[in-house]
């Protein structure tokens, strides 16, 4: 068997990898893991992703399996020689800085906004306020960063691919992108890319959300 198997679902972390694969033009097969039916706890999937989280990949050509979206993006960028700068360069460390910002800030904090604000409103007012405020602060950090550049690290890279799917759930977060004009312009700029639109529709054929 050859090519890459992608185990995924329609979440921001899952969409990072399908968008990346589309951008790189690498052949891959999709294996939906329905996390709403707890398919992520099946032994066959845990053998690939010990943390029972999507996404995960198996690269049959290299004999490599990987979990964790950030690691997968770096692996694919290195495999294809695209969308990530060469290690040890100044640009590379800038990309790593902002990739870690997504992995440690944007993802976890916005995910908590989804949990408390979208799925459990009224149950924990303190948590709703805390994560909504942090959501706004993180949007503000990105808005400032994008005030003088088109992409988070100047040129389109794995950093944009990692971050964009989380911002695509602005409605879940009850965020008005019009309050963050630089972030909105970046969001729309990335959303226009055919690979982003195609990758967003994996595994469910859904359109990219567009702000008013």
N, C-alpha and C. Protein backbone atom coordinates (compact mmCIF):
# COMPACT_ATOMS: atom_id res chain seq x y z
N UNK A 1 0.84 -1.20 0.00
CA UNK A 1 0.00 0.00 0.00
C UNK A 1 0.88 1.25 0.00
N UNK A 2 0.44 2.26 -0.74
CA UNK A 2 1.20 3.51 -0.82
C UNK A 2 0.32 4.69 -0.45
N UNK A 3 0.94 5.86 -0.31
CA UNK A 3 0.20 7.08 -0.01
C UNK A 3 -0.04 7.28 1.47
N UNK A 4 -0.88 8.25 1.77
CA UNK A 4 -1.13 8.66 3.15
C UNK A 4 -2.59 8.39 3.51
N UNK A 5 -2.79 7.77 4.65
CA UNK A 5 -4.12 7.60 5.22
C UNK A 5 -4.35 8.69 6.25
N UNK A 6 -5.46 9.41 6.13
CA UNK A 6 -5.82 10.46 7.06
C UNK A 6 -7.03 10.04 7.86
N UNK A 7 -6.87 10.00 9.15
CA UNK A 7 -7.96 9.69 10.07
C UNK A 7 -8.41 11.01 10.68
N UNK A 8 -9.66 11.40 10.44
CA UNK A 8 -10.04 12.76 10.75
C UNK A 8 -11.54 12.90 10.99
N UNK A 9 -11.94 14.09 11.40
CA UNK A 9 -13.33 14.47 11.55
C UNK A 9 -13.43 15.96 11.29
N UNK A 10 -14.66 16.48 11.22
CA UNK A 10 -14.86 17.89 10.85
C UNK A 10 -14.66 18.81 12.05
N UNK A 11 -13.40 18.91 12.47
CA UNK A 11 -13.01 19.79 13.57
C UNK A 11 -11.87 20.69 13.09
N UNK A 12 -11.58 21.76 13.81
CA UNK A 12 -10.44 22.60 13.40
C UNK A 12 -9.14 21.82 13.28
N UNK A 13 -8.84 20.96 14.25
CA UNK A 13 -7.59 20.21 14.18
C UNK A 13 -7.58 19.25 13.00
N UNK A 14 -8.70 18.62 12.74
CA UNK A 14 -8.77 17.73 11.59
C UNK A 14 -8.60 18.47 10.28
N UNK A 15 -9.21 19.63 10.19
CA UNK A 15 -9.14 20.40 8.94
C UNK A 15 -7.75 20.95 8.67
N UNK A 16 -6.97 21.17 9.70
CA UNK A 16 -5.58 21.59 9.47
C UNK A 16 -4.89 20.63 8.50
N UNK A 17 -5.05 19.34 8.77
CA UNK A 17 -4.28 18.35 8.02
C UNK A 17 -4.85 18.14 6.62
N UNK A 18 -6.17 18.11 6.48
CA UNK A 18 -6.74 17.95 5.14
C UNK A 18 -6.42 19.16 4.27
N UNK A 19 -6.43 20.36 4.86
CA UNK A 19 -6.04 21.56 4.09
C UNK A 19 -4.57 21.46 3.69
N UNK A 20 -3.73 21.03 4.62
CA UNK A 20 -2.29 20.90 4.32
C UNK A 20 -2.06 19.91 3.19
N UNK A 21 -2.72 18.78 3.24
CA UNK A 21 -2.56 17.77 2.19
C UNK A 21 -3.02 18.30 0.83
N UNK A 22 -4.10 19.07 0.84
CA UNK A 22 -4.58 19.65 -0.41
C UNK A 22 -3.60 20.70 -0.93
N UNK A 23 -3.06 21.51 -0.04
CA UNK A 23 -2.10 22.53 -0.46
C UNK A 23 -0.85 21.90 -1.06
N UNK A 24 -0.43 20.78 -0.49
CA UNK A 24 0.79 20.13 -0.97
C UNK A 24 0.54 19.23 -2.18
N UNK A 25 -0.72 18.90 -2.42
CA UNK A 25 -1.04 18.03 -3.54
C UNK A 25 -0.60 16.59 -3.33
N UNK A 26 -0.52 16.18 -2.07
CA UNK A 26 -0.12 14.80 -1.77
C UNK A 26 -1.34 13.88 -1.84
N UNK A 27 -1.20 12.71 -2.42
CA UNK A 27 -2.34 11.78 -2.47
C UNK A 27 -2.65 11.23 -1.08
N UNK A 28 -3.94 11.14 -0.77
CA UNK A 28 -4.32 10.62 0.54
C UNK A 28 -5.71 10.02 0.50
N UNK A 29 -5.93 9.11 1.44
CA UNK A 29 -7.23 8.49 1.63
C UNK A 29 -7.80 8.96 2.95
N UNK A 30 -9.11 9.17 2.98
CA UNK A 30 -9.77 9.69 4.18
C UNK A 30 -10.50 8.57 4.91
N UNK A 31 -10.25 8.48 6.20
CA UNK A 31 -10.95 7.55 7.07
C UNK A 31 -11.64 8.36 8.17
N UNK A 32 -12.94 8.63 8.01
CA UNK A 32 -13.65 9.43 9.01
C UNK A 32 -13.69 8.69 10.36
N UNK A 33 -13.40 9.43 11.41
CA UNK A 33 -13.50 8.92 12.77
C UNK A 33 -14.57 9.75 13.46
N UNK A 34 -15.76 9.20 13.58
CA UNK A 34 -16.90 9.94 14.12
C UNK A 34 -16.76 10.08 15.64
N UNK A 35 -16.26 11.22 16.06
CA UNK A 35 -16.04 11.42 17.49
C UNK A 35 -17.35 11.60 18.25
N UNK A 36 -18.44 11.89 17.54
CA UNK A 36 -19.74 11.99 18.22
C UNK A 36 -20.27 10.61 18.60
N UNK A 37 -19.73 9.57 17.97
CA UNK A 37 -20.09 8.19 18.30
C UNK A 37 -18.94 7.44 18.97
N UNK A 38 -17.96 8.21 19.46
CA UNK A 38 -16.83 7.68 20.22
C UNK A 38 -16.00 6.67 19.44
N UNK A 39 -15.94 6.85 18.12
CA UNK A 39 -15.11 5.95 17.31
C UNK A 39 -13.62 6.13 17.60
N UNK A 40 -13.27 7.26 18.21
CA UNK A 40 -11.86 7.51 18.54
C UNK A 40 -11.35 6.58 19.64
N UNK A 41 -12.25 5.87 20.29
CA UNK A 41 -11.84 4.94 21.35
C UNK A 41 -11.72 3.50 20.85
N UNK A 42 -11.91 3.28 19.57
CA UNK A 42 -11.77 1.94 19.02
C UNK A 42 -10.29 1.53 19.06
N UNK A 43 -10.01 0.30 19.42
CA UNK A 43 -8.61 -0.15 19.54
C UNK A 43 -7.80 0.06 18.27
N UNK A 44 -8.44 -0.10 17.11
CA UNK A 44 -7.71 0.06 15.85
C UNK A 44 -7.21 1.50 15.68
N UNK A 45 -8.01 2.46 16.14
CA UNK A 45 -7.59 3.85 16.02
C UNK A 45 -6.56 4.20 17.10
N UNK A 46 -6.75 3.70 18.31
CA UNK A 46 -5.80 3.99 19.39
C UNK A 46 -4.42 3.44 19.06
N UNK A 47 -4.36 2.38 18.28
CA UNK A 47 -3.07 1.84 17.85
C UNK A 47 -2.30 2.86 17.01
N UNK A 48 -3.03 3.74 16.33
CA UNK A 48 -2.41 4.78 15.51
C UNK A 48 -2.25 6.07 16.30
N UNK A 49 -3.26 6.40 17.11
CA UNK A 49 -3.27 7.64 17.89
C UNK A 49 -3.48 7.29 19.37
N UNK A 50 -2.40 7.04 20.11
CA UNK A 50 -2.52 6.60 21.50
C UNK A 50 -3.29 7.55 22.41
N UNK A 51 -3.37 8.84 22.03
CA UNK A 51 -4.13 9.81 22.82
C UNK A 51 -5.60 9.85 22.42
N UNK A 52 -6.02 8.93 21.58
CA UNK A 52 -7.39 8.81 21.06
C UNK A 52 -7.99 10.14 20.60
N UNK A 53 -7.18 10.90 19.88
CA UNK A 53 -7.62 12.18 19.31
C UNK A 53 -7.35 12.18 17.81
N UNK A 54 -8.27 12.82 17.07
CA UNK A 54 -7.98 13.07 15.66
C UNK A 54 -7.30 14.43 15.57
N UNK A 55 -6.53 14.66 14.50
CA UNK A 55 -6.25 13.78 13.37
C UNK A 55 -5.05 12.87 13.65
N UNK A 56 -4.92 11.89 12.78
CA UNK A 56 -3.73 11.04 12.75
C UNK A 56 -3.49 10.65 11.30
N UNK A 57 -2.26 10.34 10.99
CA UNK A 57 -1.93 9.90 9.63
C UNK A 57 -1.07 8.65 9.69
N UNK A 58 -1.14 7.88 8.61
CA UNK A 58 -0.19 6.81 8.35
C UNK A 58 0.37 7.07 6.96
N UNK A 59 1.68 7.28 6.89
CA UNK A 59 2.36 7.46 5.60
C UNK A 59 2.97 6.11 5.22
N UNK A 60 2.30 5.40 4.34
CA UNK A 60 2.75 4.06 3.97
C UNK A 60 4.07 4.09 3.20
N UNK A 61 4.33 5.17 2.49
CA UNK A 61 5.57 5.26 1.73
C UNK A 61 6.79 5.33 2.65
N UNK A 62 6.62 5.97 3.81
CA UNK A 62 7.75 6.14 4.73
C UNK A 62 7.67 5.23 5.95
N UNK A 63 6.55 4.51 6.09
CA UNK A 63 6.39 3.67 7.26
C UNK A 63 6.25 4.45 8.54
N UNK A 64 5.58 5.62 8.45
CA UNK A 64 5.45 6.52 9.59
C UNK A 64 3.98 6.71 9.94
N UNK A 65 3.66 6.65 11.23
CA UNK A 65 2.33 7.05 11.69
C UNK A 65 2.51 8.15 12.72
N UNK A 66 1.60 9.11 12.70
CA UNK A 66 1.72 10.27 13.57
C UNK A 66 0.36 10.71 14.08
N UNK A 67 0.33 11.15 15.33
CA UNK A 67 -0.81 11.86 15.89
C UNK A 67 -0.34 13.29 16.18
N UNK A 68 -1.25 14.14 16.65
CA UNK A 68 -1.00 15.54 16.99
C UNK A 68 -0.85 16.39 15.73
N UNK A 69 -1.80 17.31 15.57
CA UNK A 69 -1.90 18.07 14.32
C UNK A 69 -0.65 18.90 14.02
N UNK A 70 -0.05 19.51 15.04
CA UNK A 70 1.14 20.32 14.79
C UNK A 70 2.29 19.49 14.28
N UNK A 71 2.50 18.33 14.88
CA UNK A 71 3.57 17.43 14.43
C UNK A 71 3.30 16.95 13.01
N UNK A 72 2.03 16.67 12.71
CA UNK A 72 1.68 16.20 11.36
C UNK A 72 1.96 17.29 10.33
N UNK A 73 1.59 18.53 10.64
CA UNK A 73 1.86 19.62 9.69
C UNK A 73 3.36 19.76 9.43
N UNK A 74 4.16 19.69 10.48
CA UNK A 74 5.61 19.81 10.30
C UNK A 74 6.15 18.64 9.50
N UNK A 75 5.65 17.45 9.76
CA UNK A 75 6.10 16.28 9.02
C UNK A 75 5.79 16.42 7.53
N UNK A 76 4.55 16.82 7.22
CA UNK A 76 4.15 16.94 5.82
C UNK A 76 4.92 18.05 5.11
N UNK A 77 5.14 19.17 5.81
CA UNK A 77 5.91 20.26 5.22
C UNK A 77 7.33 19.81 4.91
N UNK A 78 7.92 19.06 5.83
CA UNK A 78 9.28 18.55 5.62
C UNK A 78 9.30 17.53 4.49
N UNK A 79 8.27 16.69 4.43
CA UNK A 79 8.21 15.66 3.38
C UNK A 79 8.15 16.30 1.99
N UNK A 80 7.33 17.35 1.87
CA UNK A 80 7.13 17.98 0.56
C UNK A 80 8.11 19.12 0.29
N UNK A 81 8.78 19.62 1.31
CA UNK A 81 9.69 20.74 1.14
C UNK A 81 8.97 22.04 0.84
N UNK A 82 7.76 22.18 1.41
CA UNK A 82 6.96 23.38 1.16
C UNK A 82 6.26 23.84 2.43
N UNK A 83 5.95 25.13 2.47
CA UNK A 83 5.10 25.75 3.50
C UNK A 83 5.73 25.78 4.89
N UNK A 84 7.01 25.49 4.99
CA UNK A 84 7.77 25.66 6.23
C UNK A 84 9.21 25.99 5.86
N UNK A 85 9.79 26.98 6.52
CA UNK A 85 11.15 27.37 6.20
C UNK A 85 12.16 26.32 6.66
N UNK A 86 13.36 26.42 6.15
CA UNK A 86 14.41 25.48 6.54
C UNK A 86 14.76 25.65 8.01
N UNK A 87 14.96 24.54 8.73
CA UNK A 87 15.28 24.63 10.16
C UNK A 87 16.50 25.51 10.44
N UNK A 88 16.44 26.14 11.61
CA UNK A 88 17.53 26.95 12.17
C UNK A 88 17.65 28.34 11.54
N UNK A 89 16.80 28.63 10.54
CA UNK A 89 16.80 29.98 9.99
C UNK A 89 15.92 30.88 10.85
N UNK A 90 16.09 32.17 10.72
CA UNK A 90 15.28 33.12 11.49
C UNK A 90 13.80 32.96 11.15
N UNK A 91 13.50 32.76 9.87
CA UNK A 91 12.11 32.59 9.45
C UNK A 91 11.52 31.31 10.06
N UNK A 92 12.30 30.26 10.12
CA UNK A 92 11.83 29.01 10.71
C UNK A 92 11.42 29.22 12.16
N UNK A 93 12.24 29.92 12.94
CA UNK A 93 11.92 30.11 14.35
C UNK A 93 10.72 31.03 14.54
N UNK A 94 10.54 31.96 13.63
CA UNK A 94 9.32 32.78 13.67
C UNK A 94 8.09 31.91 13.44
N UNK A 95 8.18 30.99 12.48
CA UNK A 95 7.08 30.07 12.22
C UNK A 95 6.81 29.16 13.42
N UNK A 96 7.88 28.69 14.05
CA UNK A 96 7.70 27.83 15.22
C UNK A 96 7.05 28.60 16.37
N UNK A 97 7.46 29.85 16.54
CA UNK A 97 6.89 30.69 17.59
C UNK A 97 5.39 30.82 17.44
N UNK A 98 4.94 31.11 16.22
CA UNK A 98 3.52 31.32 15.99
C UNK A 98 2.75 30.02 15.86
N UNK A 99 3.43 28.95 15.46
CA UNK A 99 2.78 27.64 15.47
C UNK A 99 2.51 27.22 16.92
N UNK A 100 3.48 27.45 17.80
CA UNK A 100 3.27 27.12 19.21
C UNK A 100 2.20 28.02 19.84
N UNK A 101 2.11 29.25 19.37
CA UNK A 101 1.04 30.14 19.82
C UNK A 101 -0.32 29.54 19.49
N UNK A 102 -0.43 28.96 18.31
CA UNK A 102 -1.69 28.31 17.95
C UNK A 102 -1.92 27.05 18.80
N UNK A 103 -0.90 26.23 18.93
CA UNK A 103 -1.05 24.97 19.63
C UNK A 103 -1.32 25.17 21.12
N UNK A 104 -0.67 26.18 21.71
CA UNK A 104 -0.80 26.39 23.15
C UNK A 104 -1.84 27.40 23.55
N UNK A 105 -2.25 28.26 22.62
CA UNK A 105 -3.19 29.33 22.94
C UNK A 105 -4.48 29.26 22.15
N UNK A 106 -4.39 29.52 20.87
CA UNK A 106 -5.58 29.58 20.01
C UNK A 106 -6.41 28.31 20.12
N UNK A 107 -5.80 27.15 19.95
CA UNK A 107 -6.55 25.90 19.97
C UNK A 107 -7.20 25.60 21.31
N UNK A 108 -6.41 25.49 22.37
CA UNK A 108 -7.00 25.15 23.68
C UNK A 108 -8.01 26.18 24.19
N UNK A 109 -7.70 27.46 24.06
CA UNK A 109 -8.59 28.47 24.62
C UNK A 109 -9.88 28.60 23.82
N UNK A 110 -9.78 28.61 22.48
CA UNK A 110 -10.99 28.70 21.68
C UNK A 110 -11.82 27.43 21.81
N UNK A 111 -11.14 26.31 22.02
CA UNK A 111 -11.86 25.07 22.26
C UNK A 111 -12.68 25.13 23.54
N UNK A 112 -12.15 25.79 24.55
CA UNK A 112 -12.90 25.96 25.79
C UNK A 112 -14.10 26.91 25.60
N UNK A 113 -13.92 27.90 24.73
CA UNK A 113 -15.05 28.77 24.39
C UNK A 113 -16.17 27.94 23.77
N UNK A 114 -15.81 27.05 22.86
CA UNK A 114 -16.82 26.17 22.25
C UNK A 114 -17.56 25.37 23.33
N UNK A 115 -16.79 24.83 24.27
CA UNK A 115 -17.38 23.96 25.29
C UNK A 115 -18.36 24.72 26.18
N UNK A 116 -17.94 25.88 26.66
CA UNK A 116 -18.76 26.59 27.64
C UNK A 116 -19.79 27.53 27.00
N UNK A 117 -19.41 28.22 25.93
CA UNK A 117 -20.29 29.23 25.35
C UNK A 117 -21.29 28.61 24.38
N UNK A 118 -20.82 27.69 23.52
CA UNK A 118 -21.73 27.10 22.53
C UNK A 118 -22.52 25.93 23.10
N UNK A 119 -21.84 25.01 23.76
CA UNK A 119 -22.49 23.75 24.14
C UNK A 119 -23.09 23.74 25.55
N UNK A 120 -22.61 24.61 26.43
CA UNK A 120 -23.10 24.60 27.80
C UNK A 120 -23.41 26.00 28.32
N UNK A 121 -24.15 26.80 27.55
CA UNK A 121 -24.43 28.17 27.99
C UNK A 121 -25.26 28.20 29.28
N UNK A 122 -24.89 29.11 30.15
CA UNK A 122 -25.64 29.28 31.39
C UNK A 122 -25.25 28.37 32.52
N UNK A 123 -24.41 27.37 32.25
CA UNK A 123 -24.03 26.42 33.30
C UNK A 123 -22.86 26.92 34.14
N UNK A 124 -21.99 27.72 33.55
CA UNK A 124 -20.80 28.19 34.26
C UNK A 124 -20.49 29.61 33.81
N UNK A 125 -21.21 30.61 34.32
CA UNK A 125 -21.01 32.00 33.88
C UNK A 125 -19.56 32.47 34.00
N UNK A 126 -18.88 32.07 35.07
CA UNK A 126 -17.48 32.48 35.22
C UNK A 126 -16.63 31.95 34.08
N UNK A 127 -16.81 30.67 33.75
CA UNK A 127 -16.03 30.07 32.65
C UNK A 127 -16.38 30.71 31.31
N UNK A 128 -17.65 30.98 31.09
CA UNK A 128 -18.06 31.64 29.84
C UNK A 128 -17.37 32.99 29.70
N UNK A 129 -17.36 33.76 30.79
CA UNK A 129 -16.72 35.08 30.74
C UNK A 129 -15.21 34.96 30.55
N UNK A 130 -14.62 34.04 31.29
CA UNK A 130 -13.16 33.86 31.22
C UNK A 130 -12.71 33.51 29.81
N UNK A 131 -13.34 32.52 29.22
CA UNK A 131 -12.88 32.06 27.91
C UNK A 131 -13.31 32.99 26.79
N UNK A 132 -14.44 33.65 26.93
CA UNK A 132 -14.83 34.65 25.93
C UNK A 132 -13.84 35.81 25.92
N UNK A 133 -13.43 36.25 27.11
CA UNK A 133 -12.46 37.34 27.19
C UNK A 133 -11.11 36.93 26.63
N UNK A 134 -10.70 35.69 26.92
CA UNK A 134 -9.43 35.21 26.38
C UNK A 134 -9.53 35.04 24.87
N UNK A 135 -10.67 34.62 24.39
CA UNK A 135 -10.93 34.51 22.96
C UNK A 135 -10.71 35.87 22.29
N UNK A 136 -11.30 36.91 22.86
CA UNK A 136 -11.15 38.26 22.31
C UNK A 136 -9.69 38.71 22.36
N UNK A 137 -9.01 38.41 23.47
CA UNK A 137 -7.61 38.82 23.59
C UNK A 137 -6.75 38.16 22.51
N UNK A 138 -6.96 36.87 22.28
CA UNK A 138 -6.18 36.16 21.27
C UNK A 138 -6.50 36.66 19.86
N UNK A 139 -7.75 36.94 19.60
CA UNK A 139 -8.10 37.56 18.32
C UNK A 139 -7.35 38.88 18.16
N UNK A 140 -7.26 39.63 19.25
CA UNK A 140 -6.56 40.92 19.21
C UNK A 140 -5.08 40.76 18.93
N UNK A 141 -4.47 39.73 19.49
CA UNK A 141 -3.06 39.47 19.21
C UNK A 141 -2.86 39.21 17.72
N UNK A 142 -3.71 38.39 17.15
CA UNK A 142 -3.60 38.10 15.71
C UNK A 142 -3.90 39.33 14.87
N UNK A 143 -4.90 40.10 15.28
CA UNK A 143 -5.25 41.31 14.52
C UNK A 143 -4.07 42.28 14.47
N UNK A 144 -3.39 42.43 15.59
CA UNK A 144 -2.21 43.32 15.64
C UNK A 144 -1.09 42.75 14.78
N UNK A 145 -0.87 41.46 14.89
CA UNK A 145 0.18 40.82 14.10
C UNK A 145 -0.04 41.01 12.61
N UNK A 146 -1.29 40.99 12.19
CA UNK A 146 -1.64 41.08 10.77
C UNK A 146 -1.84 42.51 10.29
N UNK A 147 -1.51 43.47 11.12
CA UNK A 147 -1.72 44.88 10.75
C UNK A 147 -0.79 45.34 9.63
N UNK A 148 0.35 44.66 9.45
CA UNK A 148 1.31 45.10 8.45
C UNK A 148 1.82 43.95 7.59
N UNK A 149 1.03 42.87 7.51
CA UNK A 149 1.45 41.74 6.68
C UNK A 149 0.21 40.96 6.24
N UNK A 150 0.34 40.22 5.16
CA UNK A 150 -0.79 39.46 4.62
C UNK A 150 -1.00 38.13 5.32
N UNK A 151 0.09 37.56 5.85
CA UNK A 151 0.02 36.27 6.51
C UNK A 151 0.77 36.35 7.84
N UNK A 152 0.52 35.42 8.71
CA UNK A 152 1.02 35.53 10.08
C UNK A 152 2.54 35.61 10.12
N UNK A 153 3.21 34.86 9.26
CA UNK A 153 4.67 34.94 9.19
C UNK A 153 5.10 35.45 7.82
N UNK A 154 4.42 36.48 7.34
CA UNK A 154 4.70 37.17 6.08
C UNK A 154 4.26 36.39 4.85
N UNK A 155 4.78 35.20 4.65
CA UNK A 155 4.33 34.37 3.53
C UNK A 155 3.46 33.24 4.05
N UNK A 156 2.58 32.77 3.21
CA UNK A 156 1.64 31.70 3.58
C UNK A 156 2.41 30.46 4.01
N UNK A 157 2.03 29.88 5.16
CA UNK A 157 2.80 28.78 5.71
C UNK A 157 1.92 27.88 6.57
N UNK A 158 2.56 26.88 7.18
CA UNK A 158 1.83 26.00 8.09
C UNK A 158 1.21 26.75 9.25
N UNK A 159 1.71 27.92 9.57
CA UNK A 159 1.14 28.72 10.67
C UNK A 159 -0.28 29.17 10.31
N UNK A 160 -0.46 29.66 9.10
CA UNK A 160 -1.80 30.06 8.65
C UNK A 160 -2.73 28.85 8.58
N UNK A 161 -2.20 27.74 8.09
CA UNK A 161 -3.00 26.52 7.96
C UNK A 161 -3.43 26.01 9.33
N UNK A 162 -2.55 26.14 10.32
CA UNK A 162 -2.88 25.69 11.67
C UNK A 162 -3.90 26.59 12.35
N UNK A 163 -3.82 27.88 12.08
CA UNK A 163 -4.64 28.86 12.79
C UNK A 163 -6.01 29.07 12.16
N UNK A 164 -6.05 29.10 10.85
CA UNK A 164 -7.28 29.47 10.15
C UNK A 164 -8.50 28.61 10.52
N UNK A 165 -8.38 27.27 10.63
CA UNK A 165 -9.59 26.50 10.95
C UNK A 165 -10.21 26.86 12.30
N UNK A 166 -9.41 27.33 13.24
CA UNK A 166 -9.96 27.75 14.53
C UNK A 166 -10.73 29.06 14.41
N UNK A 167 -10.23 29.96 13.57
CA UNK A 167 -10.94 31.23 13.36
C UNK A 167 -12.20 30.99 12.54
N UNK A 168 -12.22 29.92 11.76
CA UNK A 168 -13.40 29.62 10.95
C UNK A 168 -14.62 29.31 11.80
N UNK A 169 -14.43 29.10 13.09
CA UNK A 169 -15.55 28.87 13.99
C UNK A 169 -15.88 30.12 14.81
N UNK A 170 -15.70 31.26 14.18
CA UNK A 170 -16.00 32.53 14.85
C UNK A 170 -17.44 32.59 15.33
N UNK A 171 -18.37 31.95 14.59
CA UNK A 171 -19.78 31.96 15.01
C UNK A 171 -19.96 31.14 16.28
N UNK A 172 -19.29 30.01 16.38
CA UNK A 172 -19.37 29.20 17.60
C UNK A 172 -18.87 30.01 18.80
N UNK A 173 -17.88 30.85 18.54
CA UNK A 173 -17.26 31.64 19.61
C UNK A 173 -17.99 32.95 19.89
N UNK A 174 -19.06 33.20 19.11
CA UNK A 174 -19.83 34.44 19.21
C UNK A 174 -18.93 35.67 19.04
N UNK A 175 -18.04 35.56 18.06
CA UNK A 175 -17.10 36.64 17.77
C UNK A 175 -17.50 37.35 16.48
N UNK A 176 -17.40 38.66 16.50
CA UNK A 176 -17.68 39.50 15.34
C UNK A 176 -16.35 39.86 14.68
N UNK A 177 -16.07 39.26 13.54
CA UNK A 177 -14.79 39.53 12.87
C UNK A 177 -14.67 40.98 12.40
N UNK A 178 -15.78 41.68 12.30
CA UNK A 178 -15.70 43.09 11.91
C UNK A 178 -14.99 43.94 12.95
N UNK A 179 -14.91 43.44 14.17
CA UNK A 179 -14.18 44.16 15.21
C UNK A 179 -12.67 43.95 15.11
N UNK A 180 -12.27 43.05 14.22
CA UNK A 180 -10.86 42.73 14.03
C UNK A 180 -10.56 42.77 12.53
N UNK A 181 -10.49 43.95 11.95
CA UNK A 181 -10.44 44.08 10.48
C UNK A 181 -9.24 43.40 9.83
N UNK A 182 -8.09 43.44 10.48
CA UNK A 182 -6.91 42.78 9.88
C UNK A 182 -7.07 41.27 9.90
N UNK A 183 -7.61 40.76 10.99
CA UNK A 183 -7.85 39.32 11.09
C UNK A 183 -8.91 38.88 10.09
N UNK A 184 -9.95 39.69 9.92
CA UNK A 184 -11.00 39.37 8.96
C UNK A 184 -10.44 39.33 7.54
N UNK A 185 -9.62 40.32 7.19
CA UNK A 185 -9.04 40.36 5.84
C UNK A 185 -8.17 39.13 5.60
N UNK A 186 -7.38 38.74 6.60
CA UNK A 186 -6.57 37.52 6.49
C UNK A 186 -7.45 36.29 6.36
N UNK A 187 -8.49 36.22 7.16
CA UNK A 187 -9.39 35.07 7.12
C UNK A 187 -9.98 34.90 5.72
N UNK A 188 -10.45 35.98 5.14
CA UNK A 188 -11.04 35.92 3.80
C UNK A 188 -9.98 35.61 2.74
N UNK A 189 -8.79 36.13 2.94
CA UNK A 189 -7.69 35.88 1.99
C UNK A 189 -7.38 34.38 1.94
N UNK A 190 -7.29 33.77 3.10
CA UNK A 190 -7.01 32.34 3.16
C UNK A 190 -8.20 31.53 2.64
N UNK A 191 -9.41 31.98 2.97
CA UNK A 191 -10.62 31.26 2.56
C UNK A 191 -10.79 31.19 1.05
N UNK A 192 -10.15 32.11 0.32
CA UNK A 192 -10.26 32.11 -1.13
C UNK A 192 -9.43 31.01 -1.80
N UNK A 193 -8.52 30.43 -1.06
CA UNK A 193 -7.63 29.43 -1.64
C UNK A 193 -8.41 28.14 -1.95
N UNK A 194 -8.33 27.63 -3.17
CA UNK A 194 -9.05 26.40 -3.52
C UNK A 194 -8.71 25.22 -2.61
N UNK A 195 -7.45 25.08 -2.23
CA UNK A 195 -7.06 23.97 -1.37
C UNK A 195 -7.70 24.08 0.01
N UNK A 196 -7.87 25.31 0.49
CA UNK A 196 -8.52 25.52 1.78
C UNK A 196 -9.98 25.12 1.69
N UNK A 197 -10.65 25.53 0.64
CA UNK A 197 -12.05 25.18 0.46
C UNK A 197 -12.23 23.66 0.34
N UNK A 198 -11.34 23.02 -0.39
CA UNK A 198 -11.45 21.58 -0.58
C UNK A 198 -11.11 20.84 0.71
N UNK A 199 -10.07 21.29 1.41
CA UNK A 199 -9.69 20.65 2.65
C UNK A 199 -10.69 20.85 3.76
N UNK A 200 -11.37 22.00 3.75
CA UNK A 200 -12.40 22.27 4.76
C UNK A 200 -13.54 21.26 4.63
N UNK A 201 -13.79 20.80 3.43
CA UNK A 201 -14.92 19.90 3.16
C UNK A 201 -14.61 18.43 3.45
N UNK A 202 -13.50 18.16 4.14
CA UNK A 202 -13.12 16.79 4.51
C UNK A 202 -13.33 16.60 6.01
N UNK A 203 -14.02 15.53 6.42
CA UNK A 203 -14.67 14.50 5.59
C UNK A 203 -16.10 14.84 5.19
N UNK A 204 -16.69 15.89 5.78
CA UNK A 204 -18.07 16.27 5.44
C UNK A 204 -18.04 17.42 4.44
N UNK A 205 -18.89 17.36 3.44
CA UNK A 205 -18.91 18.37 2.38
C UNK A 205 -19.64 19.61 2.88
N UNK A 206 -18.89 20.50 3.53
CA UNK A 206 -19.46 21.71 4.12
C UNK A 206 -18.78 22.93 3.52
N UNK A 207 -19.55 24.02 3.34
CA UNK A 207 -18.97 25.24 2.80
C UNK A 207 -18.18 26.00 3.87
N UNK A 208 -17.21 26.77 3.45
CA UNK A 208 -16.45 27.61 4.36
C UNK A 208 -17.35 28.69 4.93
N UNK A 209 -17.39 28.89 6.25
CA UNK A 209 -18.19 29.98 6.82
C UNK A 209 -17.62 31.33 6.43
N UNK A 210 -18.47 32.24 6.02
CA UNK A 210 -18.05 33.58 5.65
C UNK A 210 -18.73 34.60 6.53
N UNK A 211 -17.96 35.56 7.07
CA UNK A 211 -18.54 36.58 7.93
C UNK A 211 -19.34 37.60 7.14
N UNK A 212 -20.23 38.30 7.81
CA UNK A 212 -21.02 39.35 7.16
C UNK A 212 -20.13 40.51 6.76
